Amino acid sequence: MYPGAQYVDSFDAGKGQRFCLFGTDAGYADIVEYYKRTMKGGNREIFRTPGVWQFDVGRFAEETMAYAPGVLVKDYAASGGTGYLVMRGAQEKRYKTIIQIVPPSGPARLP
């Protein structure tokens, strides 16, 4: 996990999978470079603007998975964006970059 990233929420992905979202105010390019250095699986740019980069961590088994296991980094500050909005009661927080974690198997484990 990127140092300093904050847990946002987890969601049911279907087929018994969950994925977790983490937010950070670090820039998208910095997060992508961090995962390029630390991840051993394949990686690829999905979208250039707004930026989305995918890092694979396991094989996709269509019969038992809704999503391929991996890390997805999304830029929510591209083109003047104000960030990914998270509401906790009446308090709001916006994150420049969101990190989506889909574990290789079983339920999502939080750090």
C-alpha atoms as a PDB file:
ATOM      1  CA  MET A   1       0.000   0.000   0.000  1.00  0.00           C
ATOM      2  CA  TYR A   2       1.202   3.489  -0.794  1.00  0.00           C
ATOM      3  CA  PRO A   3       2.516   5.104   2.438  1.00  0.00           C
ATOM      4  CA  GLY A   4       0.039   7.560   3.889  1.00  0.00           C
ATOM      5  CA  ALA A   5      -2.912   6.418   1.772  1.00  0.00           C
ATOM      6  CA  GLN A   6      -6.144   6.502   3.770  1.00  0.00           C
ATOM      7  CA  TYR A   7      -8.819   3.830   3.736  1.00  0.00           C
ATOM      8  CA  VAL A   8     -11.997   5.146   2.074  1.00  0.00           C
ATOM      9  CA  ASP A   9     -14.369   2.171   1.816  1.00  0.00           C
ATOM     10  CA  SER A  10     -14.830  -1.369   0.534  1.00  0.00           C
ATOM     11  CA  PHE A  11     -17.443  -2.606  -1.904  1.00  0.00           C
ATOM     12  CA  ASP A  12     -19.003  -5.885  -2.956  1.00  0.00           C
ATOM     13  CA  ALA A  13     -17.609  -6.680  -6.403  1.00  0.00           C
ATOM     14  CA  GLY A  14     -19.776  -9.771  -6.910  1.00  0.00           C
ATOM     15  CA  LYS A  15     -18.885 -13.466  -6.978  1.00  0.00           C
ATOM     16  CA  GLY A  16     -17.679 -13.264  -3.376  1.00  0.00           C
ATOM     17  CA  GLN A  17     -15.056 -10.598  -4.136  1.00  0.00           C
ATOM     18  CA  ARG A  18     -14.665  -7.216  -2.485  1.00  0.00           C
ATOM     19  CA  PHE A  19     -12.480  -4.321  -3.455  1.00  0.00           C
ATOM     20  CA  CYS A  20     -11.115  -1.550  -1.279  1.00  0.00           C
ATOM     21  CA  LEU A  21     -10.564   2.111  -2.069  1.00  0.00           C
ATOM     22  CA  PHE A  22      -7.778   4.187  -0.564  1.00  0.00           C
ATOM     23  CA  GLY A  23      -7.290   7.900  -1.110  1.00  0.00           C
ATOM     24  CA  THR A  24      -4.228  10.121  -1.145  1.00  0.00           C
ATOM     25  CA  ASP A  25      -3.372  13.719  -1.868  1.00  0.00           C
ATOM     26  CA  ALA A  26      -0.153  12.608  -3.562  1.00  0.00           C
ATOM     27  CA  GLY A  27      -0.094  13.207  -7.294  1.00  0.00           C
ATOM     28  CA  TYR A  28      -1.194  10.531  -9.727  1.00  0.00           C
ATOM     29  CA  ALA A  29       2.218  10.305 -11.436  1.00  0.00           C
ATOM     30  CA  ASP A  30       3.944   9.772  -8.063  1.00  0.00           C
ATOM     31  CA  ILE A  31       1.562   6.954  -7.153  1.00  0.00           C
ATOM     32  CA  VAL A  32       1.989   5.263 -10.548  1.00  0.00           C
ATOM     33  CA  GLU A  33       5.794   5.434 -10.214  1.00  0.00           C
ATOM     34  CA  TYR A  34       5.607   3.974  -6.695  1.00  0.00           C
ATOM     35  CA  TYR A  35       3.611   0.965  -7.920  1.00  0.00           C
ATOM     36  CA  LYS A  36       5.852   0.511 -10.969  1.00  0.00           C
ATOM     37  CA  ARG A  37       8.795   0.142  -8.563  1.00  0.00           C
ATOM     38  CA  THR A  38       7.046  -2.099  -6.029  1.00  0.00           C
ATOM     39  CA  MET A  39       4.737  -4.365  -8.069  1.00  0.00           C
ATOM     40  CA  LYS A  40       6.101  -7.455  -9.768  1.00  0.00           C
ATOM     41  CA  GLY A  41       3.114  -8.172 -12.046  1.00  0.00           C
ATOM     42  CA  GLY A  42       2.274  -6.670 -15.405  1.00  0.00           C
ATOM     43  CA  ASN A  43       1.104  -3.096 -15.666  1.00  0.00           C
ATOM     44  CA  ARG A  44      -0.471  -0.894 -18.286  1.00  0.00           C
ATOM     45  CA  GLU A  45      -2.014   2.492 -18.815  1.00  0.00           C
ATOM     46  CA  ILE A  46      -5.779   2.119 -19.301  1.00  0.00           C
ATOM     47  CA  PHE A  47      -6.643   5.806 -19.903  1.00  0.00           C
ATOM     48  CA  ARG A  48      -4.365   8.781 -20.410  1.00  0.00           C
ATOM     49  CA  THR A  49      -6.851  11.511 -19.372  1.00  0.00           C
ATOM     50  CA  PRO A  50      -8.092  11.173 -16.751  1.00  0.00           C
ATOM     51  CA  GLY A  51      -5.260   8.843 -15.884  1.00  0.00           C
ATOM     52  CA  VAL A  52      -5.980   5.222 -14.963  1.00  0.00           C
ATOM     53  CA  TRP A  53      -3.153   2.715 -14.546  1.00  0.00           C
ATOM     54  CA  GLN A  54      -3.596  -1.001 -13.793  1.00  0.00           C
ATOM     55  CA  PHE A  55      -1.152  -3.322 -12.021  1.00  0.00           C
ATOM     56  CA  ASP A  56      -1.886  -7.054 -12.132  1.00  0.00           C
ATOM     57  CA  VAL A  57      -1.384  -9.227  -9.046  1.00  0.00           C
ATOM     58  CA  GLY A  58      -2.910 -12.535 -10.109  1.00  0.00           C
ATOM     59  CA  ARG A  59      -4.789 -14.432 -12.749  1.00  0.00           C
ATOM     60  CA  PHE A  60      -8.391 -13.684 -13.617  1.00  0.00           C
ATOM     61  CA  ALA A  61     -10.693 -16.701 -13.225  1.00  0.00           C
ATOM     62  CA  GLU A  62     -13.942 -15.709 -14.934  1.00  0.00           C
ATOM     63  CA  GLU A  63     -15.967 -18.452 -13.286  1.00  0.00           C
ATOM     64  CA  THR A  64     -15.056 -17.341  -9.733  1.00  0.00           C
ATOM     65  CA  MET A  65     -14.150 -13.644 -10.057  1.00  0.00           C
ATOM     66  CA  ALA A  66     -15.977 -10.477 -11.037  1.00  0.00           C
ATOM     67  CA  TYR A  67     -12.758  -8.437 -11.336  1.00  0.00           C
ATOM     68  CA  ALA A  68      -9.164  -9.309 -12.098  1.00  0.00           C
ATOM     69  CA  PRO A  69      -6.990  -9.101  -8.988  1.00  0.00           C
ATOM     70  CA  GLY A  70      -4.832  -6.024  -8.990  1.00  0.00           C
ATOM     71  CA  VAL A  71      -4.231  -2.413  -8.135  1.00  0.00           C
ATOM     72  CA  LEU A  72      -5.908   0.363 -10.110  1.00  0.00           C
ATOM     73  CA  VAL A  73      -4.667   3.941  -9.709  1.00  0.00           C
ATOM     74  CA  LYS A  74      -7.091   6.688 -10.768  1.00  0.00           C
ATOM     75  CA  ASP A  75      -6.403  10.409 -11.204  1.00  0.00           C
ATOM     76  CA  TYR A  76      -9.263  12.510  -9.836  1.00  0.00           C
ATOM     77  CA  ALA A  77      -7.402  15.830 -10.149  1.00  0.00           C
ATOM     78  CA  ALA A  78      -6.873  15.683 -13.933  1.00  0.00           C
ATOM     79  CA  SER A  79      -7.953  18.640 -16.044  1.00  0.00           C
ATOM     80  CA  GLY A  80      -8.732  20.783 -13.007  1.00  0.00           C
ATOM     81  CA  GLY A  81     -10.784  18.124 -11.197  1.00  0.00           C
ATOM     82  CA  THR A  82     -11.425  18.761  -7.521  1.00  0.00           C
ATOM     83  CA  GLY A  83     -10.785  15.195  -6.378  1.00  0.00           C
ATOM     84  CA  TYR A  84     -12.747  12.129  -5.326  1.00  0.00           C
ATOM     85  CA  LEU A  85     -15.341  13.225  -2.768  1.00  0.00           C
ATOM     86  CA  VAL A  86     -15.748  11.219   0.442  1.00  0.00           C
ATOM     87  CA  MET A  87     -18.466  12.184   2.925  1.00  0.00           C
ATOM     88  CA  ARG A  88     -18.273  11.155   6.583  1.00  0.00           C
ATOM     89  CA  GLY A  89     -21.415  12.566   8.145  1.00  0.00           C
ATOM     90  CA  ALA A  90     -21.288  16.304   7.425  1.00  0.00           C
ATOM     91  CA  GLN A  91     -17.521  16.312   6.808  1.00  0.00           C
ATOM     92  CA  GLU A  92     -16.172  16.098   3.306  1.00  0.00           C
ATOM     93  CA  LYS A  93     -12.713  15.140   2.110  1.00  0.00           C
ATOM     94  CA  ARG A  94     -11.412  15.108  -1.463  1.00  0.00           C
ATOM     95  CA  TYR A  95      -8.539  12.944  -2.673  1.00  0.00           C
ATOM     96  CA  LYS A  96      -6.430  13.716  -5.740  1.00  0.00           C
ATOM     97  CA  THR A  97      -5.693  10.055  -6.367  1.00  0.00           C
ATOM     98  CA  ILE A  98      -7.662   6.884  -5.596  1.00  0.00           C
ATOM     99  CA  ILE A  99      -6.061   3.447  -5.266  1.00  0.00           C
ATOM    100  CA  GLN A 100      -8.412   0.505  -5.820  1.00  0.00           C
ATOM    101  CA  ILE A 101      -7.235  -2.859  -4.490  1.00  0.00           C
ATOM    102  CA  VAL A 102      -8.807  -6.124  -5.685  1.00  0.00           C
ATOM    103  CA  PRO A 103      -7.217  -9.012  -3.712  1.00  0.00           C
ATOM    104  CA  PRO A 104      -6.136 -12.148  -5.618  1.00  0.00           C
ATOM    105  CA  SER A 105      -8.609 -14.388  -3.766  1.00  0.00           C
ATOM    106  CA  GLY A 106     -11.014 -14.420  -0.869  1.00  0.00           C
ATOM    107  CA  PRO A 107     -12.376 -11.365   0.926  1.00  0.00           C
ATOM    108  CA  ALA A 108     -10.484  -8.084   0.902  1.00  0.00           C
ATOM    109  CA  ARG A 109      -8.049  -7.808   3.768  1.00  0.00           C
ATOM    110  CA  LEU A 110      -7.474  -4.354   5.156  1.00  0.00           C
ATOM    111  CA  PRO A 111      -4.041  -3.233   6.343  1.00  0.00           C
END
